Amino acid sequence: MSRRGSGWGVVAALIIGVLLMFLVGWFSFSSNQRRATLTVETEQIRDDAQRAVDATAKVIDEVKEETRQALAEPD
């Protein structure tokens, strides 16, 4: 078997695999009676984002203070 021929076999197998996955996904979504929806909990996202911002600000302040102390210490 030549190396060139085996490469085409791999490409063909990948294409067939992708097509099969596409078809399975298509049929599973089309068979559902209701449409898939995305529920966004904006309040939870807002709280999580605020906690992350607060934690980041705290870390920055701690690093500033440690840097200030390190620069103030004599060698």
N, C-alpha and C. Protein backbone atom coordinates (compact mmCIF):
# COMPACT_ATOMS: atom_id res chain seq x y z
N MET A 1 0.84 -1.18 0.00
CA MET A 1 0.00 0.00 0.00
C MET A 1 0.89 1.24 0.00
N SER A 2 0.56 2.17 -0.84
CA SER A 2 1.37 3.38 -0.93
C SER A 2 0.97 4.36 0.17
N ARG A 3 1.87 5.25 0.50
CA ARG A 3 1.59 6.25 1.54
C ARG A 3 0.52 7.22 1.08
N ARG A 4 0.52 7.51 -0.20
CA ARG A 4 -0.45 8.46 -0.72
C ARG A 4 -1.87 7.92 -0.62
N GLY A 5 -2.06 6.65 -0.90
CA GLY A 5 -3.38 6.04 -0.83
C GLY A 5 -3.93 6.00 0.59
N SER A 6 -3.09 5.76 1.57
CA SER A 6 -3.56 5.69 2.95
C SER A 6 -4.00 7.06 3.46
N GLY A 7 -3.39 8.12 2.95
CA GLY A 7 -3.78 9.47 3.35
C GLY A 7 -5.19 9.79 2.90
N TRP A 8 -5.56 9.37 1.70
CA TRP A 8 -6.91 9.61 1.21
C TRP A 8 -7.93 8.83 2.02
N GLY A 9 -7.55 7.66 2.49
CA GLY A 9 -8.45 6.86 3.32
C GLY A 9 -8.76 7.56 4.64
N VAL A 10 -7.74 8.18 5.21
CA VAL A 10 -7.94 8.91 6.46
C VAL A 10 -8.83 10.11 6.24
N VAL A 11 -8.60 10.83 5.15
CA VAL A 11 -9.43 12.00 4.83
C VAL A 11 -10.87 11.57 4.61
N ALA A 12 -11.08 10.50 3.87
CA ALA A 12 -12.44 10.01 3.62
C ALA A 12 -13.11 9.59 4.92
N ALA A 13 -12.38 8.92 5.80
CA ALA A 13 -12.95 8.50 7.09
C ALA A 13 -13.34 9.71 7.93
N LEU A 14 -12.51 10.75 7.92
CA LEU A 14 -12.83 11.96 8.68
C LEU A 14 -14.07 12.65 8.12
N ILE A 15 -14.17 12.73 6.81
CA ILE A 15 -15.33 13.37 6.19
C ILE A 15 -16.60 12.60 6.52
N ILE A 16 -16.54 11.28 6.42
CA ILE A 16 -17.71 10.45 6.73
C ILE A 16 -18.09 10.61 8.21
N GLY A 17 -17.09 10.65 9.09
CA GLY A 17 -17.36 10.83 10.52
C GLY A 17 -18.03 12.15 10.81
N VAL A 18 -17.55 13.22 10.19
CA VAL A 18 -18.15 14.54 10.40
C VAL A 18 -19.57 14.57 9.87
N LEU A 19 -19.81 13.98 8.72
CA LEU A 19 -21.16 13.94 8.16
C LEU A 19 -22.11 13.16 9.06
N LEU A 20 -21.64 12.04 9.60
CA LEU A 20 -22.49 11.26 10.50
C LEU A 20 -22.82 12.03 11.77
N MET A 21 -21.83 12.73 12.32
CA MET A 21 -22.10 13.53 13.52
C MET A 21 -23.09 14.65 13.21
N PHE A 22 -22.96 15.27 12.05
CA PHE A 22 -23.89 16.32 11.64
C PHE A 22 -25.31 15.77 11.53
N LEU A 23 -25.45 14.61 10.88
CA LEU A 23 -26.78 14.02 10.72
C LEU A 23 -27.40 13.63 12.05
N VAL A 24 -26.62 13.05 12.95
CA VAL A 24 -27.14 12.68 14.27
C VAL A 24 -27.61 13.92 15.01
N GLY A 25 -26.82 14.99 14.98
CA GLY A 25 -27.21 16.23 15.63
C GLY A 25 -28.45 16.83 15.01
N TRP A 26 -28.52 16.80 13.69
CA TRP A 26 -29.67 17.35 12.98
C TRP A 26 -30.95 16.61 13.38
N PHE A 27 -30.90 15.29 13.37
CA PHE A 27 -32.10 14.51 13.70
C PHE A 27 -32.47 14.63 15.17
N SER A 28 -31.50 14.73 16.04
CA SER A 28 -31.84 14.84 17.47
C SER A 28 -32.48 16.19 17.77
N PHE A 29 -32.03 17.27 17.12
CA PHE A 29 -32.64 18.57 17.34
C PHE A 29 -33.99 18.67 16.64
N SER A 30 -34.12 18.09 15.47
CA SER A 30 -35.38 18.22 14.75
C SER A 30 -36.47 17.34 15.35
N SER A 31 -36.10 16.30 16.09
CA SER A 31 -37.11 15.42 16.67
C SER A 31 -37.71 16.00 17.95
N ASN A 32 -37.05 16.97 18.57
CA ASN A 32 -37.61 17.59 19.78
C ASN A 32 -38.82 18.42 19.42
N GLN A 33 -39.84 18.37 20.28
CA GLN A 33 -41.05 19.15 20.03
C GLN A 33 -40.81 20.64 20.26
N ARG A 34 -40.04 20.94 21.27
CA ARG A 34 -39.79 22.36 21.54
C ARG A 34 -38.37 22.72 21.13
N ARG A 35 -38.18 23.96 20.86
CA ARG A 35 -36.87 24.45 20.46
C ARG A 35 -35.96 24.55 21.68
N ALA A 36 -34.70 24.34 21.44
CA ALA A 36 -33.73 24.52 22.52
C ALA A 36 -33.59 26.01 22.81
N THR A 37 -33.61 26.36 24.08
CA THR A 37 -33.49 27.76 24.46
C THR A 37 -32.34 27.92 25.44
N LEU A 38 -31.83 29.10 25.49
CA LEU A 38 -30.75 29.43 26.40
C LEU A 38 -31.30 30.37 27.46
N THR A 39 -31.21 29.94 28.71
CA THR A 39 -31.68 30.76 29.81
C THR A 39 -30.49 31.50 30.39
N VAL A 40 -30.58 32.80 30.39
CA VAL A 40 -29.49 33.61 30.90
C VAL A 40 -29.94 34.22 32.22
N GLU A 41 -29.20 33.92 33.26
CA GLU A 41 -29.50 34.49 34.57
C GLU A 41 -28.61 35.70 34.77
N THR A 42 -29.12 36.84 34.34
CA THR A 42 -28.30 38.05 34.33
C THR A 42 -27.89 38.48 35.73
N GLU A 43 -28.76 38.29 36.69
CA GLU A 43 -28.42 38.69 38.06
C GLU A 43 -27.25 37.88 38.60
N GLN A 44 -27.26 36.59 38.34
CA GLN A 44 -26.17 35.72 38.78
C GLN A 44 -24.87 36.09 38.07
N ILE A 45 -24.96 36.36 36.78
CA ILE A 45 -23.77 36.76 36.01
C ILE A 45 -23.23 38.08 36.55
N ARG A 46 -24.11 39.02 36.84
CA ARG A 46 -23.70 40.32 37.37
C ARG A 46 -22.99 40.15 38.72
N ASP A 47 -23.57 39.32 39.60
CA ASP A 47 -22.96 39.08 40.91
C ASP A 47 -21.59 38.41 40.78
N ASP A 48 -21.50 37.41 39.92
CA ASP A 48 -20.22 36.72 39.71
C ASP A 48 -19.17 37.68 39.16
N ALA A 49 -19.57 38.51 38.22
CA ALA A 49 -18.62 39.47 37.63
C ALA A 49 -18.16 40.48 38.67
N GLN A 50 -19.08 40.94 39.52
CA GLN A 50 -18.72 41.92 40.55
C GLN A 50 -17.77 41.30 41.56
N ARG A 51 -18.03 40.04 41.94
CA ARG A 51 -17.12 39.35 42.86
C ARG A 51 -15.72 39.21 42.25
N ALA A 52 -15.67 38.90 40.97
CA ALA A 52 -14.38 38.76 40.29
C ALA A 52 -13.64 40.10 40.24
N VAL A 53 -14.36 41.17 39.96
CA VAL A 53 -13.75 42.50 39.91
C VAL A 53 -13.24 42.89 41.30
N ASP A 54 -14.04 42.64 42.33
CA ASP A 54 -13.62 42.98 43.69
C ASP A 54 -12.39 42.18 44.11
N ALA A 55 -12.37 40.90 43.78
CA ALA A 55 -11.22 40.06 44.13
C ALA A 55 -9.97 40.53 43.39
N THR A 56 -10.13 40.91 42.14
CA THR A 56 -8.99 41.40 41.35
C THR A 56 -8.46 42.71 41.93
N ALA A 57 -9.36 43.60 42.31
CA ALA A 57 -8.94 44.87 42.90
C ALA A 57 -8.19 44.63 44.21
N LYS A 58 -8.65 43.67 45.00
CA LYS A 58 -7.98 43.34 46.26
C LYS A 58 -6.56 42.82 46.00
N VAL A 59 -6.43 41.94 45.02
CA VAL A 59 -5.10 41.40 44.69
C VAL A 59 -4.18 42.52 44.21
N ILE A 60 -4.69 43.41 43.39
CA ILE A 60 -3.87 44.53 42.89
C ILE A 60 -3.42 45.41 44.04
N ASP A 61 -4.34 45.70 44.97
CA ASP A 61 -3.97 46.52 46.13
C ASP A 61 -2.91 45.84 46.98
N GLU A 62 -3.03 44.53 47.17
CA GLU A 62 -2.04 43.79 47.96
C GLU A 62 -0.67 43.81 47.28
N VAL A 63 -0.66 43.65 45.97
CA VAL A 63 0.61 43.69 45.23
C VAL A 63 1.23 45.08 45.31
N LYS A 64 0.40 46.12 45.21
CA LYS A 64 0.92 47.49 45.32
C LYS A 64 1.57 47.70 46.68
N GLU A 65 0.89 47.26 47.74
CA GLU A 65 1.41 47.44 49.09
C GLU A 65 2.70 46.66 49.30
N GLU A 66 2.75 45.42 48.83
CA GLU A 66 3.96 44.62 48.95
C GLU A 66 5.11 45.24 48.17
N THR A 67 4.81 45.78 47.00
CA THR A 67 5.85 46.44 46.19
C THR A 67 6.35 47.69 46.89
N ARG A 68 5.43 48.47 47.45
CA ARG A 68 5.80 49.68 48.18
C ARG A 68 6.71 49.34 49.36
N GLN A 69 6.35 48.29 50.10
CA GLN A 69 7.16 47.87 51.25
C GLN A 69 8.53 47.36 50.81
N ALA A 70 8.55 46.61 49.73
CA ALA A 70 9.82 46.06 49.24
C ALA A 70 10.75 47.18 48.77
N LEU A 71 10.21 48.20 48.15
CA LEU A 71 11.03 49.32 47.68
C LEU A 71 11.49 50.20 48.84
N ALA A 72 10.71 50.24 49.92
CA ALA A 72 11.06 51.07 51.07
C ALA A 72 12.14 50.43 51.93
N GLU A 73 12.28 49.11 51.88
CA GLU A 73 13.29 48.42 52.69
C GLU A 73 14.68 48.70 52.13
N PRO A 74 15.63 48.97 53.04
CA PRO A 74 17.01 49.17 52.56
C PRO A 74 17.64 47.84 52.17
N ASP A 75 18.58 47.88 51.26
CA ASP A 75 19.24 46.65 50.80
C ASP A 75 20.19 46.10 51.81
